[in-house]
Amino acid sequence: MERILVSACLMGRKVRYDGAAKTSGDALLATWREEGRLVPFCPEVEGGLPVPRPAAEIEGGAGGAAVLAGTARVLATDGSDVTREFLAGAHAALAAARSCGARVAILKEGSPSCGSLAVYDGTFRGRRLPGSGVTTALLELHGIAVFSEDRVADAGVRLRELEEAQDLSRVPDDRWPKVR
């Protein structure tokens, strides 16, 4: 059974910067939860940040890849540099995905850790730019497909593809037709 790394806040855990959850009501996600496929994870908390904590954004809206490359930082509204914690959380998420064999992740959109389509622009004015968060960038760099909570159906398609490929790889060689 394929496992899925999922943002803990989407599973009702109060781990967001403001101490809240963003519980998803998606039926497919609920089904996967019942099946035991989901591995809830919060990279920011695992990276050492408290709950609640000041909001954070990637400076200049540069995106997670720039943070991984060391060319951008993650800054909090209080001016503190939380790049180290975001990097630690991203690496912890990758380790968690690898340890359970997850090749798919469903992460909270807009987060400087978990965003997969857009991140805030670094001005703390609510403006978004296309890009991904630090954790998403690292997971994708290592071949893990990341989807936002609004793209759970797309994650389901990818999951089926992975499971079908796994099933085909289990067919003994002598059952394949001989090609001449």
C-alpha atoms as a PDB file:
ATOM      1  CA  MET A   1       0.000   0.000   0.000  1.00  0.00           C
ATOM      2  CA  GLU A   2       1.391   3.375  -1.041  1.00  0.00           C
ATOM      3  CA  ARG A   3       1.760   5.823   1.841  1.00  0.00           C
ATOM      4  CA  ILE A   4       1.128   9.557   1.492  1.00  0.00           C
ATOM      5  CA  LEU A   5       2.892  12.320   3.405  1.00  0.00           C
ATOM      6  CA  VAL A   6       0.290  14.945   4.360  1.00  0.00           C
ATOM      7  CA  SER A   7       0.433  18.317   6.098  1.00  0.00           C
ATOM      8  CA  ALA A   8      -0.593  17.736   9.702  1.00  0.00           C
ATOM      9  CA  CYS A   9      -2.748  20.903   9.678  1.00  0.00           C
ATOM     10  CA  LEU A  10      -4.908  19.335   6.953  1.00  0.00           C
ATOM     11  CA  MET A  11      -5.579  16.438   9.327  1.00  0.00           C
ATOM     12  CA  GLY A  12      -6.907  18.737  12.033  1.00  0.00           C
ATOM     13  CA  ARG A  13      -3.736  19.178  14.039  1.00  0.00           C
ATOM     14  CA  LYS A  14      -3.330  22.691  15.430  1.00  0.00           C
ATOM     15  CA  VAL A  15       0.222  23.256  14.214  1.00  0.00           C
ATOM     16  CA  ARG A  16      -0.078  26.307  11.967  1.00  0.00           C
ATOM     17  CA  TYR A  17       1.746  29.516  12.805  1.00  0.00           C
ATOM     18  CA  ASP A  18      -1.460  30.942  14.327  1.00  0.00           C
ATOM     19  CA  GLY A  19      -2.144  27.832  16.430  1.00  0.00           C
ATOM     20  CA  ALA A  20      -4.982  26.717  14.180  1.00  0.00           C
ATOM     21  CA  ALA A  21      -5.631  23.789  11.871  1.00  0.00           C
ATOM     22  CA  LYS A  22      -6.842  23.889   8.260  1.00  0.00           C
ATOM     23  CA  THR A  23      -8.733  20.603   8.359  1.00  0.00           C
ATOM     24  CA  SER A  24      -9.557  19.243   4.930  1.00  0.00           C
ATOM     25  CA  GLY A  25     -13.012  17.841   4.261  1.00  0.00           C
ATOM     26  CA  ASP A  26     -11.904  16.054   1.096  1.00  0.00           C
ATOM     27  CA  ALA A  27     -13.621  12.655   0.830  1.00  0.00           C
ATOM     28  CA  LEU A  28     -10.678  10.948  -0.876  1.00  0.00           C
ATOM     29  CA  LEU A  29      -8.315  12.180   1.819  1.00  0.00           C
ATOM     30  CA  ALA A  30     -10.752  10.815   4.435  1.00  0.00           C
ATOM     31  CA  THR A  31     -10.768   7.447   2.665  1.00  0.00           C
ATOM     32  CA  TRP A  32      -6.969   7.329   2.640  1.00  0.00           C
ATOM     33  CA  ARG A  33      -6.943   8.236   6.321  1.00  0.00           C
ATOM     34  CA  GLU A  34      -9.277   5.298   7.082  1.00  0.00           C
ATOM     35  CA  GLU A  35      -7.027   3.001   5.037  1.00  0.00           C
ATOM     36  CA  GLY A  36      -4.013   4.057   7.109  1.00  0.00           C
ATOM     37  CA  ARG A  37      -2.165   5.524   4.124  1.00  0.00           C
ATOM     38  CA  LEU A  38      -1.594   8.998   5.541  1.00  0.00           C
ATOM     39  CA  VAL A  39       1.523  10.107   7.373  1.00  0.00           C
ATOM     40  CA  PRO A  40       0.727  13.493   8.974  1.00  0.00           C
ATOM     41  CA  PHE A  41       3.743  15.771   9.250  1.00  0.00           C
ATOM     42  CA  CYS A  42       4.435  19.438   9.979  1.00  0.00           C
ATOM     43  CA  PRO A  43       7.891  20.484   8.765  1.00  0.00           C
ATOM     44  CA  GLU A  44       7.843  23.773  10.646  1.00  0.00           C
ATOM     45  CA  VAL A  45       7.155  22.130  14.008  1.00  0.00           C
ATOM     46  CA  GLU A  46       9.581  19.280  13.255  1.00  0.00           C
ATOM     47  CA  GLY A  47      12.170  21.917  12.339  1.00  0.00           C
ATOM     48  CA  GLY A  48      11.925  23.350  15.841  1.00  0.00           C
ATOM     49  CA  LEU A  49       9.433  26.207  15.540  1.00  0.00           C
ATOM     50  CA  PRO A  50       6.815  26.668  18.276  1.00  0.00           C
ATOM     51  CA  VAL A  51       3.025  26.863  18.003  1.00  0.00           C
ATOM     52  CA  PRO A  52       1.956  29.607  17.757  1.00  0.00           C
ATOM     53  CA  ARG A  53       4.806  31.457  16.048  1.00  0.00           C
ATOM     54  CA  PRO A  54       5.223  34.599  13.958  1.00  0.00           C
ATOM     55  CA  ALA A  55       4.169  34.208  10.333  1.00  0.00           C
ATOM     56  CA  ALA A  56       7.062  33.657   7.920  1.00  0.00           C
ATOM     57  CA  GLU A  57       7.658  34.242   4.223  1.00  0.00           C
ATOM     58  CA  ILE A  58      10.499  33.601   1.799  1.00  0.00           C
ATOM     59  CA  GLU A  59      12.228  36.895   1.113  1.00  0.00           C
ATOM     60  CA  GLY A  60      11.461  38.292  -2.284  1.00  0.00           C
ATOM     61  CA  GLY A  61       9.031  35.437  -2.910  1.00  0.00           C
ATOM     62  CA  ALA A  62      12.044  33.617  -4.303  1.00  0.00           C
ATOM     63  CA  GLY A  63      10.687  30.150  -3.548  1.00  0.00           C
ATOM     64  CA  GLY A  64      11.931  27.063  -1.816  1.00  0.00           C
ATOM     65  CA  ALA A  65      14.583  26.171  -4.381  1.00  0.00           C
ATOM     66  CA  ALA A  66      16.340  29.472  -3.688  1.00  0.00           C
ATOM     67  CA  VAL A  67      16.291  28.752   0.056  1.00  0.00           C
ATOM     68  CA  LEU A  68      17.755  25.289  -0.584  1.00  0.00           C
ATOM     69  CA  ALA A  69      20.452  26.882  -2.753  1.00  0.00           C
ATOM     70  CA  GLY A  70      21.286  29.406  -0.033  1.00  0.00           C
ATOM     71  CA  THR A  71      20.306  32.433  -2.128  1.00  0.00           C
ATOM     72  CA  ALA A  72      17.165  33.359  -0.139  1.00  0.00           C
ATOM     73  CA  ARG A  73      16.117  33.281   3.502  1.00  0.00           C
ATOM     74  CA  VAL A  74      12.877  32.625   5.349  1.00  0.00           C
ATOM     75  CA  LEU A  75      12.049  35.587   7.550  1.00  0.00           C
ATOM     76  CA  ALA A  76       9.377  35.969  10.226  1.00  0.00           C
ATOM     77  CA  THR A  77       7.215  39.039  10.790  1.00  0.00           C
ATOM     78  CA  ASP A  78       9.286  39.850  13.882  1.00  0.00           C
ATOM     79  CA  GLY A  79      12.398  40.075  11.679  1.00  0.00           C
ATOM     80  CA  SER A  80      13.953  36.818  12.837  1.00  0.00           C
ATOM     81  CA  ASP A  81      15.672  34.553  10.327  1.00  0.00           C
ATOM     82  CA  VAL A  82      14.019  31.114  10.530  1.00  0.00           C
ATOM     83  CA  THR A  83      15.763  29.643   7.497  1.00  0.00           C
ATOM     84  CA  ARG A  84      17.591  27.032   9.586  1.00  0.00           C
ATOM     85  CA  GLU A  85      14.326  25.716  11.058  1.00  0.00           C
ATOM     86  CA  PHE A  86      12.650  25.585   7.640  1.00  0.00           C
ATOM     87  CA  LEU A  87      15.592  23.661   6.188  1.00  0.00           C
ATOM     88  CA  ALA A  88      15.653  21.269   9.157  1.00  0.00           C
ATOM     89  CA  GLY A  89      11.913  20.688   8.758  1.00  0.00           C
ATOM     90  CA  ALA A  90      12.246  20.042   5.030  1.00  0.00           C
ATOM     91  CA  HIS A  91      14.973  17.464   5.621  1.00  0.00           C
ATOM     92  CA  ALA A  92      12.894  15.844   8.373  1.00  0.00           C
ATOM     93  CA  ALA A  93       9.937  15.634   5.959  1.00  0.00           C
ATOM     94  CA  LEU A  94      12.135  13.966   3.352  1.00  0.00           C
ATOM     95  CA  ALA A  95      13.386  11.490   5.963  1.00  0.00           C
ATOM     96  CA  ALA A  96       9.797  10.733   7.040  1.00  0.00           C
ATOM     97  CA  ALA A  97       8.708  10.194   3.428  1.00  0.00           C
ATOM     98  CA  ARG A  98      11.640   7.899   2.754  1.00  0.00           C
ATOM     99  CA  SER A  99      11.147   5.903   5.958  1.00  0.00           C
ATOM    100  CA  CYS A 100       7.541   5.062   5.073  1.00  0.00           C
ATOM    101  CA  GLY A 101       8.115   4.807   1.319  1.00  0.00           C
ATOM    102  CA  ALA A 102       5.866   7.765   0.429  1.00  0.00           C
ATOM    103  CA  ARG A 103       6.221   8.894  -3.172  1.00  0.00           C
ATOM    104  CA  VAL A 104       3.272  11.290  -3.002  1.00  0.00           C
ATOM    105  CA  ALA A 105       2.647  14.226  -0.658  1.00  0.00           C
ATOM    106  CA  ILE A 106      -0.376  16.444  -0.116  1.00  0.00           C
ATOM    107  CA  LEU A 107       0.730  19.701   1.449  1.00  0.00           C
ATOM    108  CA  LYS A 108      -0.890  22.991   2.486  1.00  0.00           C
ATOM    109  CA  GLU A 109      -0.910  25.522  -0.325  1.00  0.00           C
ATOM    110  CA  GLY A 110       0.617  28.955   0.251  1.00  0.00           C
ATOM    111  CA  SER A 111       2.858  27.880   3.106  1.00  0.00           C
ATOM    112  CA  PRO A 112       6.546  28.857   2.924  1.00  0.00           C
ATOM    113  CA  SER A 113       7.225  25.185   3.695  1.00  0.00           C
ATOM    114  CA  CYS A 114       4.475  23.339   1.903  1.00  0.00           C
ATOM    115  CA  GLY A 115       3.178  25.519  -0.930  1.00  0.00           C
ATOM    116  CA  SER A 116       3.367  23.803  -4.299  1.00  0.00           C
ATOM    117  CA  LEU A 117       1.855  26.396  -6.638  1.00  0.00           C
ATOM    118  CA  ALA A 118       2.385  29.734  -4.915  1.00  0.00           C
ATOM    119  CA  VAL A 119       4.176  31.354  -1.987  1.00  0.00           C
ATOM    120  CA  TYR A 120       3.762  34.767  -0.421  1.00  0.00           C
ATOM    121  CA  ASP A 121       6.033  37.466  -1.826  1.00  0.00           C
ATOM    122  CA  GLY A 122       8.003  38.192   1.355  1.00  0.00           C
ATOM    123  CA  THR A 123       6.374  41.565   2.093  1.00  0.00           C
ATOM    124  CA  PHE A 124       3.732  40.235   4.536  1.00  0.00           C
ATOM    125  CA  ARG A 125       1.048  42.055   2.536  1.00  0.00           C
ATOM    126  CA  GLY A 126      -0.853  38.961   1.406  1.00  0.00           C
ATOM    127  CA  ARG A 127       0.453  38.929  -2.156  1.00  0.00           C
ATOM    128  CA  ARG A 128       1.345  35.597  -3.737  1.00  0.00           C
ATOM    129  CA  LEU A 129       3.764  34.659  -6.488  1.00  0.00           C
ATOM    130  CA  PRO A 130       4.086  31.391  -8.409  1.00  0.00           C
ATOM    131  CA  GLY A 131       6.517  29.095  -6.632  1.00  0.00           C
ATOM    132  CA  SER A 132       6.937  26.410  -4.037  1.00  0.00           C
ATOM    133  CA  GLY A 133       7.879  26.210  -0.393  1.00  0.00           C
ATOM    134  CA  VAL A 134      11.095  24.824   1.042  1.00  0.00           C
ATOM    135  CA  THR A 135       9.757  21.352   1.901  1.00  0.00           C
ATOM    136  CA  THR A 136       7.978  21.000  -1.433  1.00  0.00           C
ATOM    137  CA  ALA A 137      11.140  21.959  -3.326  1.00  0.00           C
ATOM    138  CA  LEU A 138      13.210  19.374  -1.448  1.00  0.00           C
ATOM    139  CA  LEU A 139      10.635  16.588  -1.815  1.00  0.00           C
ATOM    140  CA  GLU A 140      10.262  17.235  -5.540  1.00  0.00           C
ATOM    141  CA  LEU A 141      14.045  17.322  -5.946  1.00  0.00           C
ATOM    142  CA  HIS A 142      14.017  13.776  -4.583  1.00  0.00           C
ATOM    143  CA  GLY A 143      11.225  12.509  -6.848  1.00  0.00           C
ATOM    144  CA  ILE A 144       8.272  12.841  -4.505  1.00  0.00           C
ATOM    145  CA  ALA A 145       5.185  14.239  -6.260  1.00  0.00           C
ATOM    146  CA  VAL A 146       3.650  17.094  -4.254  1.00  0.00           C
ATOM    147  CA  PHE A 147       0.037  18.232  -4.564  1.00  0.00           C
ATOM    148  CA  SER A 148      -1.931  20.962  -2.788  1.00  0.00           C
ATOM    149  CA  GLU A 149      -5.078  20.232  -0.789  1.00  0.00           C
ATOM    150  CA  ASP A 150      -7.061  21.448  -3.821  1.00  0.00           C
ATOM    151  CA  ARG A 151      -5.479  18.797  -6.049  1.00  0.00           C
ATOM    152  CA  VAL A 152      -6.224  15.627  -4.069  1.00  0.00           C
ATOM    153  CA  ALA A 153      -7.869  14.030  -7.127  1.00  0.00           C
ATOM    154  CA  ASP A 154      -4.640  14.590  -9.098  1.00  0.00           C
ATOM    155  CA  ALA A 155      -2.729  12.977  -6.244  1.00  0.00           C
ATOM    156  CA  GLY A 156      -5.121  10.032  -6.538  1.00  0.00           C
ATOM    157  CA  VAL A 157      -4.286   9.650 -10.225  1.00  0.00           C
ATOM    158  CA  ARG A 158      -0.549   9.640  -9.434  1.00  0.00           C
ATOM    159  CA  LEU A 159      -1.098   7.141  -6.630  1.00  0.00           C
ATOM    160  CA  ARG A 160      -2.954   4.771  -8.983  1.00  0.00           C
ATOM    161  CA  GLU A 161      -0.144   5.078 -11.542  1.00  0.00           C
ATOM    162  CA  LEU A 162       2.427   4.173  -8.906  1.00  0.00           C
ATOM    163  CA  GLU A 163       0.382   1.222  -7.652  1.00  0.00           C
ATOM    164  CA  GLU A 164      -0.226  -0.092 -11.181  1.00  0.00           C
ATOM    165  CA  ALA A 165       3.482   0.128 -11.969  1.00  0.00           C
ATOM    166  CA  GLN A 166       4.227  -1.705  -8.717  1.00  0.00           C
ATOM    167  CA  ASP A 167       1.726  -4.451  -9.624  1.00  0.00           C
ATOM    168  CA  LEU A 168       3.297  -4.881 -13.065  1.00  0.00           C
ATOM    169  CA  SER A 169       6.753  -5.186 -11.553  1.00  0.00           C
ATOM    170  CA  ARG A 170       5.561  -8.160  -9.493  1.00  0.00           C
ATOM    171  CA  VAL A 171       4.558 -10.273 -12.503  1.00  0.00           C
ATOM    172  CA  PRO A 172       7.082 -13.120 -12.875  1.00  0.00           C
ATOM    173  CA  ASP A 173       9.231 -12.884 -16.004  1.00  0.00           C
ATOM    174  CA  ASP A 174       7.966 -16.229 -17.319  1.00  0.00           C
ATOM    175  CA  ARG A 175       4.417 -14.833 -17.570  1.00  0.00           C
ATOM    176  CA  TRP A 176       5.420 -12.167 -20.103  1.00  0.00           C
ATOM    177  CA  PRO A 177       4.973 -13.220 -23.735  1.00  0.00           C
ATOM    178  CA  LYS A 178       8.158 -13.994 -25.622  1.00  0.00           C
ATOM    179  CA  VAL A 179       8.978 -11.515 -28.353  1.00  0.00           C
ATOM    180  CA  ARG A 180      10.798 -12.870 -31.382  1.00  0.00           C
END
